[in-house]
Amino acid sequence: MVRVNWTFQAKDDLKSIAEYISRDSKRYAKLQVLRIRNKTSLLKSQTHLGKIVSEIDRENIRELIEGRYRIIYKIVSRNQIDILTIHHTARDLTRRNIK
């Protein structure tokens, strides 16, 4: 089983998303966070589930889409995935420093 680690940036992104959505609906904010977390749990058994991030074009940097969010992750090894950031699809990803 692959270990899925959340970076500080990804945790902070998820918290910011929840805070922003909760201004209108606390229920929907919780639901969106749950959907994102559930999507990332799929990586435990399917590391290559996501597609390569076109802006970065590296085999080990991939993304899953959940609603309006891009879940950017890095395949570190056979046994480890790092969730790097959660990014709204309407925003420019090239402004983020993803490694």
PDB file of N, CA and C in Angstrom:
ATOM      1  N   MET A   1       0.844  -1.185   0.000  1.00  0.00           N
ATOM      2  CA  MET A   1       0.000   0.000   0.000  1.00  0.00           C
ATOM      3  C   MET A   1       0.890   1.250   0.000  1.00  0.00           C
ATOM      4  N   VAL A   2       0.540   2.191  -0.808  1.00  0.00           N
ATOM      5  CA  VAL A   2       1.295   3.433  -0.945  1.00  0.00           C
ATOM      6  C   VAL A   2       0.903   4.406   0.168  1.00  0.00           C
ATOM      7  N   ARG A   3       1.892   5.087   0.691  1.00  0.00           N
ATOM      8  CA  ARG A   3       1.656   6.113   1.712  1.00  0.00           C
ATOM      9  C   ARG A   3       1.397   7.448   1.013  1.00  0.00           C
ATOM     10  N   VAL A   4       0.321   8.120   1.384  1.00  0.00           N
ATOM     11  CA  VAL A   4      -0.018   9.423   0.812  1.00  0.00           C
ATOM     12  C   VAL A   4       0.244  10.491   1.871  1.00  0.00           C
ATOM     13  N   ASN A   5       1.239  11.342   1.603  1.00  0.00           N
ATOM     14  CA  ASN A   5       1.600  12.432   2.513  1.00  0.00           C
ATOM     15  C   ASN A   5       1.043  13.749   1.998  1.00  0.00           C
ATOM     16  N   TRP A   6       0.566  14.557   2.891  1.00  0.00           N
ATOM     17  CA  TRP A   6       0.094  15.899   2.551  1.00  0.00           C
ATOM     18  C   TRP A   6       1.175  16.891   2.957  1.00  0.00           C
ATOM     19  N   THR A   7       1.663  17.680   1.998  1.00  0.00           N
ATOM     20  CA  THR A   7       2.645  18.715   2.319  1.00  0.00           C
ATOM     21  C   THR A   7       1.960  19.835   3.094  1.00  0.00           C
ATOM     22  N   PHE A   8       2.768  20.669   3.729  1.00  0.00           N
ATOM     23  CA  PHE A   8       2.225  21.826   4.440  1.00  0.00           C
ATOM     24  C   PHE A   8       1.406  22.684   3.487  1.00  0.00           C
ATOM     25  N   GLN A   9       1.918  22.894   2.280  1.00  0.00           N
ATOM     26  CA  GLN A   9       1.212  23.719   1.293  1.00  0.00           C
ATOM     27  C   GLN A   9      -0.162  23.135   0.966  1.00  0.00           C
ATOM     28  N   ALA A  10      -0.223  21.839   0.746  1.00  0.00           N
ATOM     29  CA  ALA A  10      -1.498  21.198   0.405  1.00  0.00           C
ATOM     30  C   ALA A  10      -2.493  21.286   1.564  1.00  0.00           C
ATOM     31  N   LYS A  11      -2.007  21.075   2.783  1.00  0.00           N
ATOM     32  CA  LYS A  11      -2.885  21.205   3.956  1.00  0.00           C
ATOM     33  C   LYS A  11      -3.415  22.629   4.074  1.00  0.00           C
ATOM     34  N   ASP A  12      -2.532  23.591   3.854  1.00  0.00           N
ATOM     35  CA  ASP A  12      -2.923  25.001   3.922  1.00  0.00           C
ATOM     36  C   ASP A  12      -3.936  25.340   2.825  1.00  0.00           C
ATOM     37  N   ASP A  13      -3.702  24.810   1.629  1.00  0.00           N
ATOM     38  CA  ASP A  13      -4.646  25.029   0.523  1.00  0.00           C
ATOM     39  C   ASP A  13      -6.028  24.491   0.875  1.00  0.00           C
ATOM     40  N   LEU A  14      -6.067  23.275   1.415  1.00  0.00           N
ATOM     41  CA  LEU A  14      -7.347  22.653   1.760  1.00  0.00           C
ATOM     42  C   LEU A  14      -8.076  23.456   2.844  1.00  0.00           C
ATOM     43  N   LYS A  15      -7.321  23.931   3.805  1.00  0.00           N
ATOM     44  CA  LYS A  15      -7.908  24.758   4.863  1.00  0.00           C
ATOM     45  C   LYS A  15      -8.477  26.052   4.280  1.00  0.00           C
ATOM     46  N   SER A  16      -7.732  26.686   3.381  1.00  0.00           N
ATOM     47  CA  SER A  16      -8.192  27.931   2.750  1.00  0.00           C
ATOM     48  C   SER A  16      -9.450  27.707   1.916  1.00  0.00           C
ATOM     49  N   ILE A  17      -9.487  26.597   1.209  1.00  0.00           N
ATOM     50  CA  ILE A  17     -10.671  26.252   0.402  1.00  0.00           C
ATOM     51  C   ILE A  17     -11.886  26.099   1.315  1.00  0.00           C
ATOM     52  N   ALA A  18     -11.707  25.371   2.401  1.00  0.00           N
ATOM     53  CA  ALA A  18     -12.812  25.150   3.341  1.00  0.00           C
ATOM     54  C   ALA A  18     -13.294  26.468   3.942  1.00  0.00           C
ATOM     55  N   GLU A  19     -12.364  27.323   4.316  1.00  0.00           N
ATOM     56  CA  GLU A  19     -12.739  28.617   4.897  1.00  0.00           C
ATOM     57  C   GLU A  19     -13.496  29.474   3.890  1.00  0.00           C
ATOM     58  N   TYR A  20     -13.022  29.481   2.657  1.00  0.00           N
ATOM     59  CA  TYR A  20     -13.665  30.298   1.624  1.00  0.00           C
ATOM     60  C   TYR A  20     -15.095  29.811   1.342  1.00  0.00           C
ATOM     61  N   ILE A  21     -15.244  28.513   1.152  1.00  0.00           N
ATOM     62  CA  ILE A  21     -16.569  27.958   0.842  1.00  0.00           C
ATOM     63  C   ILE A  21     -17.517  28.114   2.032  1.00  0.00           C
ATOM     64  N   SER A  22     -16.978  27.988   3.239  1.00  0.00           N
ATOM     65  CA  SER A  22     -17.839  28.049   4.428  1.00  0.00           C
ATOM     66  C   SER A  22     -18.463  29.427   4.647  1.00  0.00           C
ATOM     67  N   ARG A  23     -17.961  30.439   3.969  1.00  0.00           N
ATOM     68  CA  ARG A  23     -18.599  31.763   4.050  1.00  0.00           C
ATOM     69  C   ARG A  23     -20.038  31.694   3.553  1.00  0.00           C
ATOM     70  N   ASP A  24     -20.251  30.822   2.572  1.00  0.00           N
ATOM     71  CA  ASP A  24     -21.593  30.638   2.014  1.00  0.00           C
ATOM     72  C   ASP A  24     -22.297  29.411   2.580  1.00  0.00           C
ATOM     73  N   SER A  25     -21.522  28.333   2.796  1.00  0.00           N
ATOM     74  CA  SER A  25     -22.151  27.090   3.246  1.00  0.00           C
ATOM     75  C   SER A  25     -21.134  26.201   3.967  1.00  0.00           C
ATOM     76  N   LYS A  26     -21.310  26.060   5.260  1.00  0.00           N
ATOM     77  CA  LYS A  26     -20.419  25.185   6.027  1.00  0.00           C
ATOM     78  C   LYS A  26     -20.600  23.732   5.605  1.00  0.00           C
ATOM     79  N   ARG A  27     -21.819  23.381   5.288  1.00  0.00           N
ATOM     80  CA  ARG A  27     -22.105  22.013   4.843  1.00  0.00           C
ATOM     81  C   ARG A  27     -21.374  21.697   3.538  1.00  0.00           C
ATOM     82  N   TYR A  28     -21.455  22.607   2.571  1.00  0.00           N
ATOM     83  CA  TYR A  28     -20.786  22.370   1.297  1.00  0.00           C
ATOM     84  C   TYR A  28     -19.266  22.392   1.465  1.00  0.00           C
ATOM     85  N   ALA A  29     -18.764  23.231   2.353  1.00  0.00           N
ATOM     86  CA  ALA A  29     -17.316  23.271   2.604  1.00  0.00           C
ATOM     87  C   ALA A  29     -16.831  21.910   3.101  1.00  0.00           C
ATOM     88  N   LYS A  30     -17.551  21.336   4.053  1.00  0.00           N
ATOM     89  CA  LYS A  30     -17.184  20.010   4.575  1.00  0.00           C
ATOM     90  C   LYS A  30     -17.271  18.948   3.485  1.00  0.00           C
ATOM     91  N   LEU A  31     -18.299  19.047   2.670  1.00  0.00           N
ATOM     92  CA  LEU A  31     -18.480  18.092   1.579  1.00  0.00           C
ATOM     93  C   LEU A  31     -17.340  18.186   0.566  1.00  0.00           C
ATOM     94  N   GLN A  32     -16.930  19.394   0.215  1.00  0.00           N
ATOM     95  CA  GLN A  32     -15.842  19.572  -0.752  1.00  0.00           C
ATOM     96  C   GLN A  32     -14.530  19.015  -0.209  1.00  0.00           C
ATOM     97  N   VAL A  33     -14.243  19.284   1.056  1.00  0.00           N
ATOM     98  CA  VAL A  33     -13.032  18.743   1.685  1.00  0.00           C
ATOM     99  C   VAL A  33     -13.080  17.217   1.677  1.00  0.00           C
ATOM    100  N   LEU A  34     -14.217  16.645   2.007  1.00  0.00           N
ATOM    101  CA  LEU A  34     -14.374  15.187   2.003  1.00  0.00           C
ATOM    102  C   LEU A  34     -14.152  14.615   0.605  1.00  0.00           C
ATOM    103  N   ARG A  35     -14.697  15.259  -0.402  1.00  0.00           N
ATOM    104  CA  ARG A  35     -14.511  14.789  -1.785  1.00  0.00           C
ATOM    105  C   ARG A  35     -13.038  14.824  -2.185  1.00  0.00           C
ATOM    106  N   ILE A  36     -12.346  15.889  -1.832  1.00  0.00           N
ATOM    107  CA  ILE A  36     -10.918  15.993  -2.166  1.00  0.00           C
ATOM    108  C   ILE A  36     -10.138  14.902  -1.446  1.00  0.00           C
ATOM    109  N   ARG A  37     -10.400  14.719  -0.169  1.00  0.00           N
ATOM    110  CA  ARG A  37      -9.695  13.679   0.597  1.00  0.00           C
ATOM    111  C   ARG A  37      -9.996  12.276   0.052  1.00  0.00           C
ATOM    112  N   ASN A  38     -11.242  12.022  -0.298  1.00  0.00           N
ATOM    113  CA  ASN A  38     -11.605  10.723  -0.875  1.00  0.00           C
ATOM    114  C   ASN A  38     -10.898  10.486  -2.198  1.00  0.00           C
ATOM    115  N   LYS A  39     -10.798  11.522  -3.008  1.00  0.00           N
ATOM    116  CA  LYS A  39     -10.119  11.395  -4.305  1.00  0.00           C
ATOM    117  C   LYS A  39      -8.647  11.044  -4.094  1.00  0.00           C
ATOM    118  N   THR A  40      -7.997  11.709  -3.138  1.00  0.00           N
ATOM    119  CA  THR A  40      -6.578  11.422  -2.904  1.00  0.00           C
ATOM    120  C   THR A  40      -6.368  10.024  -2.340  1.00  0.00           C
ATOM    121  N   SER A  41      -7.346   9.487  -1.639  1.00  0.00           N
ATOM    122  CA  SER A  41      -7.190   8.134  -1.089  1.00  0.00           C
ATOM    123  C   SER A  41      -7.128   7.077  -2.194  1.00  0.00           C
ATOM    124  N   LEU A  42      -7.651   7.396  -3.369  1.00  0.00           N
ATOM    125  CA  LEU A  42      -7.558   6.472  -4.507  1.00  0.00           C
ATOM    126  C   LEU A  42      -6.104   6.225  -4.911  1.00  0.00           C
ATOM    127  N   LEU A  43      -5.235   7.184  -4.607  1.00  0.00           N
ATOM    128  CA  LEU A  43      -3.828   7.068  -4.989  1.00  0.00           C
ATOM    129  C   LEU A  43      -3.103   5.959  -4.233  1.00  0.00           C
ATOM    130  N   LYS A  44      -3.655   5.519  -3.129  1.00  0.00           N
ATOM    131  CA  LYS A  44      -3.033   4.441  -2.359  1.00  0.00           C
ATOM    132  C   LYS A  44      -2.918   3.163  -3.178  1.00  0.00           C
ATOM    133  N   SER A  45      -3.852   2.966  -4.095  1.00  0.00           N
ATOM    134  CA  SER A  45      -3.821   1.751  -4.911  1.00  0.00           C
ATOM    135  C   SER A  45      -3.608   2.032  -6.401  1.00  0.00           C
ATOM    136  N   GLN A  46      -3.662   3.307  -6.803  1.00  0.00           N
ATOM    137  CA  GLN A  46      -3.530   3.652  -8.227  1.00  0.00           C
ATOM    138  C   GLN A  46      -2.671   4.910  -8.378  1.00  0.00           C
ATOM    139  N   THR A  47      -1.385   4.770  -8.196  1.00  0.00           N
ATOM    140  CA  THR A  47      -0.500   5.942  -8.172  1.00  0.00           C
ATOM    141  C   THR A  47      -0.499   6.741  -9.473  1.00  0.00           C
ATOM    142  N   HIS A  48      -0.702   6.084 -10.586  1.00  0.00           N
ATOM    143  CA  HIS A  48      -0.681   6.762 -11.889  1.00  0.00           C
ATOM    144  C   HIS A  48      -2.083   7.119 -12.384  1.00  0.00           C
ATOM    145  N   LEU A  49      -3.038   7.191 -11.471  1.00  0.00           N
ATOM    146  CA  LEU A  49      -4.416   7.500 -11.828  1.00  0.00           C
ATOM    147  C   LEU A  49      -4.535   8.866 -12.499  1.00  0.00           C
ATOM    148  N   GLY A  50      -3.816   9.840 -11.992  1.00  0.00           N
ATOM    149  CA  GLY A  50      -3.888  11.196 -12.539  1.00  0.00           C
ATOM    150  C   GLY A  50      -3.102  11.348 -13.828  1.00  0.00           C
ATOM    151  N   LYS A  51      -3.373  12.461 -14.506  1.00  0.00           N
ATOM    152  CA  LYS A  51      -2.627  12.740 -15.739  1.00  0.00           C
ATOM    153  C   LYS A  51      -1.441  13.641 -15.423  1.00  0.00           C
ATOM    154  N   ILE A  52      -0.461  13.637 -16.308  1.00  0.00           N
ATOM    155  CA  ILE A  52       0.711  14.494 -16.156  1.00  0.00           C
ATOM    156  C   ILE A  52       0.267  15.947 -16.243  1.00  0.00           C
ATOM    157  N   VAL A  53       0.796  16.784 -15.357  1.00  0.00           N
ATOM    158  CA  VAL A  53       0.457  18.208 -15.341  1.00  0.00           C
ATOM    159  C   VAL A  53       1.150  18.872 -16.526  1.00  0.00           C
ATOM    160  N   SER A  54       0.381  19.381 -17.468  1.00  0.00           N
ATOM    161  CA  SER A  54       0.940  19.917 -18.716  1.00  0.00           C
ATOM    162  C   SER A  54       1.877  21.101 -18.481  1.00  0.00           C
ATOM    163  N   GLU A  55       1.597  21.926 -17.484  1.00  0.00           N
ATOM    164  CA  GLU A  55       2.449  23.089 -17.224  1.00  0.00           C
ATOM    165  C   GLU A  55       3.825  22.704 -16.689  1.00  0.00           C
ATOM    166  N   ILE A  56       3.935  21.508 -16.134  1.00  0.00           N
ATOM    167  CA  ILE A  56       5.199  21.060 -15.546  1.00  0.00           C
ATOM    168  C   ILE A  56       5.868  20.009 -16.419  1.00  0.00           C
ATOM    169  N   ASP A  57       5.069  19.140 -17.038  1.00  0.00           N
ATOM    170  CA  ASP A  57       5.539  18.120 -17.979  1.00  0.00           C
ATOM    171  C   ASP A  57       6.635  17.220 -17.412  1.00  0.00           C
ATOM    172  N   ARG A  58       6.377  16.682 -16.228  1.00  0.00           N
ATOM    173  CA  ARG A  58       7.263  15.687 -15.628  1.00  0.00           C
ATOM    174  C   ARG A  58       6.433  14.458 -15.298  1.00  0.00           C
ATOM    175  N   GLU A  59       6.954  13.306 -15.613  1.00  0.00           N
ATOM    176  CA  GLU A  59       6.237  12.038 -15.432  1.00  0.00           C
ATOM    177  C   GLU A  59       5.750  11.834 -13.998  1.00  0.00           C
ATOM    178  N   ASN A  60       6.514  12.296 -13.030  1.00  0.00           N
ATOM    179  CA  ASN A  60       6.161  12.029 -11.634  1.00  0.00           C
ATOM    180  C   ASN A  60       5.305  13.123 -10.979  1.00  0.00           C
ATOM    181  N   ILE A  61       4.982  14.185 -11.707  1.00  0.00           N
ATOM    182  CA  ILE A  61       4.085  15.228 -11.191  1.00  0.00           C
ATOM    183  C   ILE A  61       2.762  15.094 -11.937  1.00  0.00           C
ATOM    184  N   ARG A  62       1.715  14.748 -11.202  1.00  0.00           N
ATOM    185  CA  ARG A  62       0.424  14.435 -11.815  1.00  0.00           C
ATOM    186  C   ARG A  62      -0.703  15.174 -11.113  1.00  0.00           C
ATOM    187  N   GLU A  63      -1.884  15.084 -11.707  1.00  0.00           N
ATOM    188  CA  GLU A  63      -3.028  15.758 -11.110  1.00  0.00           C
ATOM    189  C   GLU A  63      -4.293  14.928 -11.227  1.00  0.00           C
ATOM    190  N   LEU A  64      -5.123  15.100 -10.228  1.00  0.00           N
ATOM    191  CA  LEU A  64      -6.487  14.590 -10.241  1.00  0.00           C
ATOM    192  C   LEU A  64      -7.396  15.809 -10.214  1.00  0.00           C
ATOM    193  N   ILE A  65      -8.543  15.699 -10.817  1.00  0.00           N
ATOM    194  CA  ILE A  65      -9.515  16.787 -10.791  1.00  0.00           C
ATOM    195  C   ILE A  65     -10.674  16.378  -9.887  1.00  0.00           C
ATOM    196  N   GLU A  66     -11.032  17.257  -8.990  1.00  0.00           N
ATOM    197  CA  GLU A  66     -12.205  17.050  -8.144  1.00  0.00           C
ATOM    198  C   GLU A  66     -13.001  18.347  -8.133  1.00  0.00           C
ATOM    199  N   GLY A  67     -14.124  18.319  -8.816  1.00  0.00           N
ATOM    200  CA  GLY A  67     -14.920  19.543  -8.940  1.00  0.00           C
ATOM    201  C   GLY A  67     -14.128  20.591  -9.694  1.00  0.00           C
ATOM    202  N   ARG A  68     -13.928  21.727  -9.069  1.00  0.00           N
ATOM    203  CA  ARG A  68     -13.175  22.822  -9.693  1.00  0.00           C
ATOM    204  C   ARG A  68     -11.739  22.899  -9.190  1.00  0.00           C
ATOM    205  N   TYR A  69     -11.261  21.805  -8.624  1.00  0.00           N
ATOM    206  CA  TYR A  69      -9.930  21.820  -8.029  1.00  0.00           C
ATOM    207  C   TYR A  69      -9.004  20.791  -8.673  1.00  0.00           C
ATOM    208  N   ARG A  70      -7.771  21.216  -8.838  1.00  0.00           N
ATOM    209  CA  ARG A  70      -6.711  20.343  -9.331  1.00  0.00           C
ATOM    210  C   ARG A  70      -5.908  19.892  -8.117  1.00  0.00           C
ATOM    211  N   ILE A  71      -5.823  18.604  -7.928  1.00  0.00           N
ATOM    212  CA  ILE A  71      -5.040  18.032  -6.840  1.00  0.00           C
ATOM    213  C   ILE A  71      -3.704  17.626  -7.457  1.00  0.00           C
ATOM    214  N   ILE A  72      -2.675  18.408  -7.189  1.00  0.00           N
ATOM    215  CA  ILE A  72      -1.360  18.167  -7.785  1.00  0.00           C
ATOM    216  C   ILE A  72      -0.557  17.294  -6.822  1.00  0.00           C
ATOM    217  N   TYR A  73      -0.019  16.196  -7.346  1.00  0.00           N
ATOM    218  CA  TYR A  73       0.748  15.298  -6.491  1.00  0.00           C
ATOM    219  C   TYR A  73       2.017  14.827  -7.184  1.00  0.00           C
ATOM    220  N   LYS A  74       2.936  14.345  -6.364  1.00  0.00           N
ATOM    221  CA  LYS A  74       4.226  13.861  -6.852  1.00  0.00           C
ATOM    222  C   LYS A  74       4.390  12.401  -6.455  1.00  0.00           C
ATOM    223  N   ILE A  75       4.772  11.591  -7.426  1.00  0.00           N
ATOM    224  CA  ILE A  75       5.114  10.199  -7.133  1.00  0.00           C
ATOM    225  C   ILE A  75       6.574  10.212  -6.687  1.00  0.00           C
ATOM    226  N   VAL A  76       6.796  10.035  -5.395  1.00  0.00           N
ATOM    227  CA  VAL A  76       8.139  10.096  -4.824  1.00  0.00           C
ATOM    228  C   VAL A  76       8.850   8.760  -5.017  1.00  0.00           C
ATOM    229  N   SER A  77       8.126   7.676  -4.781  1.00  0.00           N
ATOM    230  CA  SER A  77       8.669   6.325  -4.941  1.00  0.00           C
ATOM    231  C   SER A  77       7.503   5.361  -5.127  1.00  0.00           C
ATOM    232  N   ARG A  78       7.814   4.077  -5.237  1.00  0.00           N
ATOM    233  CA  ARG A  78       6.749   3.071  -5.348  1.00  0.00           C
ATOM    234  C   ARG A  78       5.829   3.089  -4.139  1.00  0.00           C
ATOM    235  N   ASN A  79       6.371   3.554  -3.018  1.00  0.00           N
ATOM    236  CA  ASN A  79       5.645   3.493  -1.754  1.00  0.00           C
ATOM    237  C   ASN A  79       5.179   4.838  -1.210  1.00  0.00           C
ATOM    238  N   GLN A  80       5.448   5.923  -1.947  1.00  0.00           N
ATOM    239  CA  GLN A  80       5.097   7.237  -1.400  1.00  0.00           C
ATOM    240  C   GLN A  80       4.605   8.209  -2.459  1.00  0.00           C
ATOM    241  N   ILE A  81       3.506   8.879  -2.120  1.00  0.00           N
ATOM    242  CA  ILE A  81       2.926   9.967  -2.915  1.00  0.00           C
ATOM    243  C   ILE A  81       2.884  11.197  -2.014  1.00  0.00           C
ATOM    244  N   ASP A  82       3.267  12.355  -2.542  1.00  0.00           N
ATOM    245  CA  ASP A  82       3.126  13.614  -1.810  1.00  0.00           C
ATOM    246  C   ASP A  82       2.078  14.473  -2.502  1.00  0.00           C
ATOM    247  N   ILE A  83       1.067  14.890  -1.759  1.00  0.00           N
ATOM    248  CA  ILE A  83       0.099  15.850  -2.279  1.00  0.00           C
ATOM    249  C   ILE A  83       0.773  17.211  -2.157  1.00  0.00           C
ATOM    250  N   LEU A  84       1.012  17.871  -3.292  1.00  0.00           N
ATOM    251  CA  LEU A  84       1.778  19.115  -3.296  1.00  0.00           C
ATOM    252  C   LEU A  84       0.917  20.351  -3.098  1.00  0.00           C
ATOM    253  N   THR A  85      -0.208  20.404  -3.787  1.00  0.00           N
ATOM    254  CA  THR A  85      -1.067  21.581  -3.705  1.00  0.00           C
ATOM    255  C   THR A  85      -2.465  21.238  -4.202  1.00  0.00           C
ATOM    256  N   ILE A  86      -3.430  22.016  -3.769  1.00  0.00           N
ATOM    257  CA  ILE A  86      -4.798  21.935  -4.277  1.00  0.00           C
ATOM    258  C   ILE A  86      -5.057  23.292  -4.916  1.00  0.00           C
ATOM    259  N   HIS A  87      -5.364  23.284  -6.195  1.00  0.00           N
ATOM    260  CA  HIS A  87      -5.386  24.528  -6.965  1.00  0.00           C
ATOM    261  C   HIS A  87      -6.700  24.671  -7.726  1.00  0.00           C
ATOM    262  N   HIS A  88      -7.330  25.830  -7.630  1.00  0.00           N
ATOM    263  CA  HIS A  88      -8.586  26.073  -8.350  1.00  0.00           C
ATOM    264  C   HIS A  88      -8.304  26.100  -9.849  1.00  0.00           C
ATOM    265  N   THR A  89      -9.170  25.470 -10.622  1.00  0.00           N
ATOM    266  CA  THR A  89      -8.955  25.360 -12.072  1.00  0.00           C
ATOM    267  C   THR A  89      -8.974  26.706 -12.785  1.00  0.00           C
ATOM    268  N   ALA A  90      -9.601  27.718 -12.206  1.00  0.00           N
ATOM    269  CA  ALA A  90      -9.675  29.033 -12.850  1.00  0.00           C
ATOM    270  C   ALA A  90      -8.395  29.846 -12.670  1.00  0.00           C
ATOM    271  N   ARG A  91      -7.509  29.397 -11.809  1.00  0.00           N
ATOM    272  CA  ARG A  91      -6.282  30.153 -11.534  1.00  0.00           C
ATOM    273  C   ARG A  91      -5.104  29.614 -12.333  1.00  0.00           C
ATOM    274  N   ASP A  92      -4.146  30.487 -12.543  1.00  0.00           N
ATOM    275  CA  ASP A  92      -2.956  30.163 -13.323  1.00  0.00           C
ATOM    276  C   ASP A  92      -1.974  29.356 -12.471  1.00  0.00           C
ATOM    277  N   LEU A  93      -1.729  28.125 -12.861  1.00  0.00           N
ATOM    278  CA  LEU A  93      -0.829  27.250 -12.107  1.00  0.00           C
ATOM    279  C   LEU A  93       0.631  27.648 -12.284  1.00  0.00           C
ATOM    280  N   THR A  94       0.974  28.301 -13.377  1.00  0.00           N
ATOM    281  CA  THR A  94       2.377  28.636 -13.635  1.00  0.00           C
ATOM    282  C   THR A  94       2.938  29.623 -12.617  1.00  0.00           C
ATOM    283  N   ARG A  95       2.082  30.296 -11.876  1.00  0.00           N
ATOM    284  CA  ARG A  95       2.549  31.232 -10.846  1.00  0.00           C
ATOM    285  C   ARG A  95       2.960  30.520  -9.562  1.00  0.00           C
ATOM    286  N   ARG A  96       2.629  29.250  -9.438  1.00  0.00           N
ATOM    287  CA  ARG A  96       2.986  28.476  -8.248  1.00  0.00           C
ATOM    288  C   ARG A  96       4.342  27.827  -8.457  1.00  0.00           C
ATOM    289  N   ASN A  97       5.088  27.722  -7.400  1.00  0.00           N
ATOM    290  CA  ASN A  97       6.399  27.082  -7.452  1.00  0.00           C
ATOM    291  C   ASN A  97       6.244  25.620  -7.031  1.00  0.00           C
ATOM    292  N   ILE A  98       6.045  24.759  -8.009  1.00  0.00           N
ATOM    293  CA  ILE A  98       5.830  23.333  -7.735  1.00  0.00           C
ATOM    294  C   ILE A  98       7.069  22.561  -8.165  1.00  0.00           C
ATOM    295  N   LYS A  99       7.574  21.747  -7.244  1.00  0.00           N
ATOM    296  CA  LYS A  99       8.789  20.977  -7.543  1.00  0.00           C
ATOM    297  C   LYS A  99       8.564  19.509  -7.320  1.00  0.00           C
TER     298      LYS A  99
END
